[in-house]
Amino acid sequence: MTPDALLDIHESKTFPPNRHTPFANTVVVRNNPSIFRIAREIERGEKDHALVVDEVESSTDAMKPIKFLHLPPFELQKLHRAQLLRFVKQQTGKGKIERIAILMVVGNGRGLVGLGEGKGTDYQTALGKAFPQAVRNMDYIERFEDRTIWTEMESKFGATRIILRPRPVGFGLATNPIIHEVFKVAGIKDASAKVWGSRNPYQVMKAVVRMLLPGHMPALMGNGIGGEGRTMEKGREMRSAMEVERDRGRRIVPLHT
């Protein structure tokens, strides 16, 4: 095996075509840092073992999902968070394996919201999966006067049914505790909500975030899976294009050529 000078310092070997395959294959072996080189240096006393452990851990930290987010660290620290924690168990032939599951909502308090979920053997592992996923899923929601929702909304998620209503200035948040936390993260200051059926915190948080994010059941457009659209203005005359754009949260683009 000879190093490839064009790519990097690594070990590579090329296997020519044979009776099993008509293609040539190149196998590249990389170790960053190389465990064999480090072992030889430790045997010769050229490097301290504690220093080697730090190098390996730093290279591992660089591959964590949070390192690949589109926001710098100082922006991530400013995000508001609301999270739910529960213990889950997986039944295997060797017994029950207990893990921690975290459902997290993050936002900047000014209309930017994202939902993420992560599981792990400990709290830090689950948090390290849920938070990056929530940041990647962030999207802007439509707020009326930057304080409340535009109109009354109703949705059903599993056995949970929720109604959200806009309220006047100074009303505050008269909602379920889980919805209250989500609204604070999203930057909604005046609203009320009612929850029927299952009040499972996981279901409530997922349902509210789905209702707030754009694209879910826009007015007169159905629920996206063949269901009927919302008809909250029965008997009203045809609306203008601007009003439809405002209700949908999306600009109408003419497709005539």
Protein backbone atom coordinates (compact mmCIF):
# COMPACT_ATOMS: atom_id res chain seq x y z
CA MET A 1 0.00 0.00 0.00
CA THR A 2 1.41 3.39 -1.06
CA PRO A 3 0.29 6.90 -0.03
CA ASP A 4 -1.60 9.00 -2.55
CA ALA A 5 0.25 12.31 -2.80
CA LEU A 6 -2.62 14.09 -4.60
CA LEU A 7 -5.32 13.59 -1.99
CA ASP A 8 -3.75 13.32 1.41
CA ILE A 9 -1.32 11.34 3.49
CA HIS A 10 -3.17 8.07 3.77
CA GLU A 11 -2.89 4.41 2.89
CA SER A 12 -4.54 3.28 -0.33
CA LYS A 13 -4.57 0.19 -2.50
CA THR A 14 -6.06 -0.35 -5.97
CA PHE A 15 -7.64 -3.68 -6.87
CA PRO A 16 -7.75 -4.41 -10.64
CA PRO A 17 -10.77 -5.98 -12.39
CA ASN A 18 -11.22 -9.69 -11.75
CA ARG A 19 -13.70 -12.45 -12.43
CA HIS A 20 -16.09 -11.08 -9.82
CA THR A 21 -16.29 -7.49 -11.12
CA PRO A 22 -15.23 -5.72 -14.33
CA PHE A 23 -14.36 -2.52 -12.44
CA ALA A 24 -11.21 -1.40 -10.66
CA ASN A 25 -11.62 -0.47 -6.99
CA THR A 26 -9.50 1.74 -4.74
CA VAL A 27 -9.63 1.31 -0.98
CA VAL A 28 -8.51 4.27 1.13
CA VAL A 29 -7.69 3.90 4.85
CA ARG A 30 -7.71 7.11 6.90
CA ASN A 31 -7.22 7.62 10.62
CA ASN A 32 -7.48 11.13 12.03
CA PRO A 33 -5.37 11.00 14.06
CA SER A 34 -3.78 7.69 13.09
CA ILE A 35 -4.09 5.28 16.02
CA PHE A 36 -1.04 3.33 14.84
CA ARG A 37 1.19 6.40 14.61
CA ILE A 38 0.06 7.59 18.03
CA ALA A 39 0.68 4.14 19.54
CA ARG A 40 4.23 4.08 18.19
CA GLU A 41 4.91 7.59 19.50
CA ILE A 42 3.63 6.62 22.95
CA GLU A 43 5.85 3.52 22.98
CA ARG A 44 8.90 5.62 22.10
CA GLY A 45 7.94 8.21 24.75
CA GLU A 46 7.56 11.01 22.20
CA LYS A 47 4.00 11.93 23.21
CA ASP A 48 2.03 12.02 26.44
CA HIS A 49 -1.02 9.74 26.67
CA ALA A 50 -3.22 12.49 28.17
CA LEU A 51 -2.44 14.76 25.22
CA VAL A 52 -3.41 12.01 22.81
CA VAL A 53 -6.80 11.58 24.50
CA ASP A 54 -7.48 15.32 24.14
CA GLU A 55 -6.68 15.17 20.42
CA VAL A 56 -9.03 12.25 19.85
CA GLU A 57 -11.85 13.92 21.79
CA SER A 58 -11.43 17.20 19.92
CA SER A 59 -11.61 15.41 16.57
CA THR A 60 -14.78 13.65 17.74
CA ASP A 61 -16.41 16.90 18.89
CA ALA A 62 -15.77 18.45 15.48
CA MET A 63 -18.11 15.87 13.89
CA LYS A 64 -21.10 16.56 16.17
CA PRO A 65 -24.30 17.76 14.41
CA ILE A 66 -24.27 21.08 16.25
CA LYS A 67 -21.01 21.99 14.51
CA PHE A 68 -22.72 21.93 11.09
CA LEU A 69 -25.56 24.37 11.87
CA HIS A 70 -26.03 27.52 9.80
CA LEU A 71 -26.02 29.79 12.88
CA PRO A 72 -22.90 30.91 14.77
CA PRO A 73 -22.52 29.87 18.44
CA PHE A 74 -23.41 33.31 19.84
CA GLU A 75 -26.73 33.23 17.93
CA LEU A 76 -27.52 29.73 19.19
CA GLN A 77 -27.09 30.89 22.79
CA LYS A 78 -29.74 33.61 22.29
CA LEU A 79 -32.47 31.19 21.17
CA HIS A 80 -35.42 30.54 23.49
CA ARG A 81 -36.04 26.89 24.34
CA ALA A 82 -38.96 24.81 25.61
CA GLN A 83 -38.46 21.10 26.06
CA LEU A 84 -40.20 17.96 27.28
CA LEU A 85 -38.34 14.98 28.70
CA ARG A 86 -39.56 11.42 29.08
CA PHE A 87 -38.05 7.98 29.66
CA VAL A 88 -38.66 5.31 27.02
CA LYS A 89 -37.85 1.60 27.13
CA GLN A 90 -37.04 -0.80 24.32
CA GLN A 91 -37.83 -4.46 24.95
CA THR A 92 -35.09 -6.79 23.67
CA GLY A 93 -34.12 -10.39 24.19
CA LYS A 94 -31.66 -9.32 26.87
CA GLY A 95 -34.19 -7.21 28.74
CA LYS A 96 -35.42 -3.61 28.70
CA ILE A 97 -33.09 -0.88 27.44
CA GLU A 98 -33.96 2.47 29.01
CA ARG A 99 -33.34 5.66 27.05
CA ILE A 100 -34.18 9.35 27.36
CA ALA A 101 -36.31 11.15 24.75
CA ILE A 102 -36.42 14.95 24.43
CA LEU A 103 -38.90 17.00 22.40
CA MET A 104 -37.68 20.58 22.01
CA VAL A 105 -39.04 23.80 20.52
CA VAL A 106 -36.56 26.61 19.82
CA GLY A 107 -37.14 30.13 18.55
CA ASN A 108 -35.93 33.69 18.72
CA GLY A 109 -39.09 35.16 20.29
CA ARG A 110 -39.79 37.12 17.09
CA GLY A 111 -41.65 34.60 14.92
CA LEU A 112 -38.96 31.99 14.27
CA VAL A 113 -39.87 28.50 15.52
CA GLY A 114 -38.51 24.98 15.06
CA LEU A 115 -39.29 21.54 16.50
CA GLY A 116 -36.77 18.76 17.12
CA GLU A 117 -36.72 15.36 18.79
CA GLY A 118 -33.81 13.25 20.00
CA LYS A 119 -33.19 10.06 21.95
CA GLY A 120 -30.10 8.80 23.74
CA THR A 121 -28.78 6.76 26.63
CA ASP A 122 -28.25 9.94 28.67
CA TYR A 123 -29.53 13.50 28.78
CA GLN A 124 -26.62 15.13 26.94
CA THR A 125 -26.79 12.65 24.05
CA ALA A 126 -30.52 13.19 23.57
CA LEU A 127 -30.13 16.98 23.84
CA GLY A 128 -27.30 16.90 21.30
CA LYS A 129 -29.70 15.33 18.78
CA ALA A 130 -32.87 17.31 19.54
CA PHE A 131 -31.40 20.83 19.56
CA PRO A 132 -29.62 20.71 16.15
CA GLN A 133 -32.71 19.16 14.58
CA ALA A 134 -34.92 21.90 15.99
CA VAL A 135 -32.58 24.62 14.71
CA ARG A 136 -32.54 23.10 11.22
CA ASN A 137 -36.36 22.94 11.20
CA MET A 138 -36.86 26.60 12.15
CA ASP A 139 -39.24 28.64 10.00
CA TYR A 140 -41.07 31.94 10.34
CA ILE A 141 -44.72 32.02 11.39
CA GLU A 142 -47.26 34.69 10.48
CA ARG A 143 -48.07 37.04 13.39
CA PHE A 144 -50.65 39.80 13.38
CA GLU A 145 -49.06 43.05 14.60
CA ASP A 146 -46.13 40.92 15.82
CA ARG A 147 -48.10 39.89 18.89
CA THR A 148 -50.87 37.37 18.08
CA ILE A 149 -52.13 34.94 15.44
CA TRP A 150 -54.08 36.10 12.39
CA THR A 151 -57.28 34.15 12.84
CA GLU A 152 -58.94 31.37 14.78
CA MET A 153 -57.43 27.98 14.02
CA GLU A 154 -58.58 24.47 14.82
CA SER A 155 -56.68 21.22 14.29
CA LYS A 156 -56.68 17.59 15.38
CA PHE A 157 -53.48 15.61 15.96
CA GLY A 158 -54.06 12.03 17.04
CA ALA A 159 -56.57 12.18 19.90
CA THR A 160 -55.75 15.84 20.65
CA ARG A 161 -57.98 18.63 19.35
CA ILE A 162 -56.87 22.24 19.76
CA ILE A 163 -58.46 25.61 19.04
CA LEU A 164 -56.31 28.76 18.97
CA ARG A 165 -57.92 32.21 19.07
CA PRO A 166 -56.39 35.69 18.60
CA ARG A 167 -56.94 38.22 21.39
CA PRO A 168 -56.70 42.03 21.74
CA VAL A 169 -53.70 43.95 23.01
CA GLY A 170 -52.89 43.31 26.66
CA PHE A 171 -54.96 40.11 26.93
CA GLY A 172 -51.94 37.89 27.56
CA LEU A 173 -51.79 34.12 27.16
CA ALA A 174 -54.73 32.11 28.51
CA THR A 175 -53.66 28.69 27.31
CA ASN A 176 -52.56 25.21 28.26
CA PRO A 177 -49.10 25.27 29.98
CA ILE A 178 -47.45 23.51 27.02
CA ILE A 179 -49.03 25.90 24.51
CA HIS A 180 -47.97 28.80 26.76
CA GLU A 181 -44.31 27.75 26.49
CA VAL A 182 -44.52 27.34 22.70
CA PHE A 183 -46.14 30.78 22.30
CA LYS A 184 -43.42 32.41 24.42
CA VAL A 185 -40.73 30.83 22.21
CA ALA A 186 -42.58 31.95 19.07
CA GLY A 187 -43.14 35.52 20.27
CA ILE A 188 -46.95 35.37 20.52
CA LYS A 189 -48.11 37.58 23.40
CA ASP A 190 -51.94 37.72 23.16
CA ALA A 191 -53.89 34.52 22.47
CA SER A 192 -56.14 31.92 24.04
CA ALA A 193 -56.39 28.19 23.43
CA LYS A 194 -58.55 25.23 24.34
CA VAL A 195 -57.48 21.57 24.32
CA TRP A 196 -59.92 18.67 24.06
CA GLY A 197 -59.28 14.95 24.17
CA SER A 198 -55.78 13.78 24.95
CA ARG A 199 -53.66 16.29 26.85
CA ASN A 200 -50.46 14.34 26.34
CA PRO A 201 -47.72 17.03 26.41
CA TYR A 202 -45.93 15.44 23.44
CA GLN A 203 -49.09 15.49 21.33
CA VAL A 204 -50.01 19.03 22.36
CA MET A 205 -46.56 20.45 21.54
CA LYS A 206 -46.41 18.76 18.13
CA ALA A 207 -49.95 19.83 17.26
CA VAL A 208 -49.39 23.50 18.18
CA VAL A 209 -46.13 23.77 16.24
CA ARG A 210 -47.76 22.16 13.22
CA MET A 211 -50.62 24.67 13.39
CA LEU A 212 -48.30 27.68 13.64
CA LEU A 213 -45.85 26.77 10.90
CA PRO A 214 -46.84 27.90 7.37
CA GLY A 215 -48.11 25.43 4.81
CA HIS A 216 -50.37 23.41 7.14
CA MET A 217 -54.04 23.57 6.10
CA PRO A 218 -54.02 27.05 4.48
CA ALA A 219 -57.41 28.65 4.04
CA LEU A 220 -59.45 27.17 1.15
CA MET A 221 -56.60 24.83 0.17
CA GLY A 222 -57.39 21.62 2.12
CA ASN A 223 -55.26 19.84 4.67
CA GLY A 224 -52.68 18.55 2.17
CA ILE A 225 -53.85 14.93 2.28
CA GLY A 226 -57.16 15.14 0.44
CA GLY A 227 -59.26 16.67 3.21
CA GLU A 228 -61.59 19.62 2.84
CA GLY A 229 -60.35 23.17 3.17
CA ARG A 230 -61.33 25.52 5.97
CA THR A 231 -64.48 27.52 5.26
CA MET A 232 -64.45 30.09 8.05
CA GLU A 233 -66.08 32.78 5.86
CA LYS A 234 -69.17 31.00 4.58
CA GLY A 235 -71.44 33.24 2.52
CA ARG A 236 -68.81 35.88 1.88
CA GLU A 237 -68.14 37.17 -1.62
CA MET A 238 -64.99 36.31 -3.55
CA ARG A 239 -61.87 37.68 -1.90
CA SER A 240 -59.10 39.66 -3.55
CA ALA A 241 -55.73 38.14 -4.36
CA MET A 242 -54.10 40.21 -1.60
CA GLU A 243 -56.46 38.84 1.03
CA VAL A 244 -55.83 35.27 -0.09
CA GLU A 245 -52.07 35.87 0.04
CA ARG A 246 -52.35 37.24 3.56
CA ASP A 247 -54.40 34.27 4.81
CA ARG A 248 -52.15 31.67 3.23
CA GLY A 249 -48.92 33.36 4.23
CA ARG A 250 -47.63 32.83 0.70
CA ARG A 251 -47.41 35.07 -2.35
CA ILE A 252 -49.52 34.06 -5.34
CA VAL A 253 -47.42 33.65 -8.49
CA PRO A 254 -49.26 33.71 -11.86
CA LEU A 255 -48.48 30.67 -13.98
CA HIS A 256 -49.96 31.93 -17.28
CA THR A 257 -47.41 31.93 -20.12
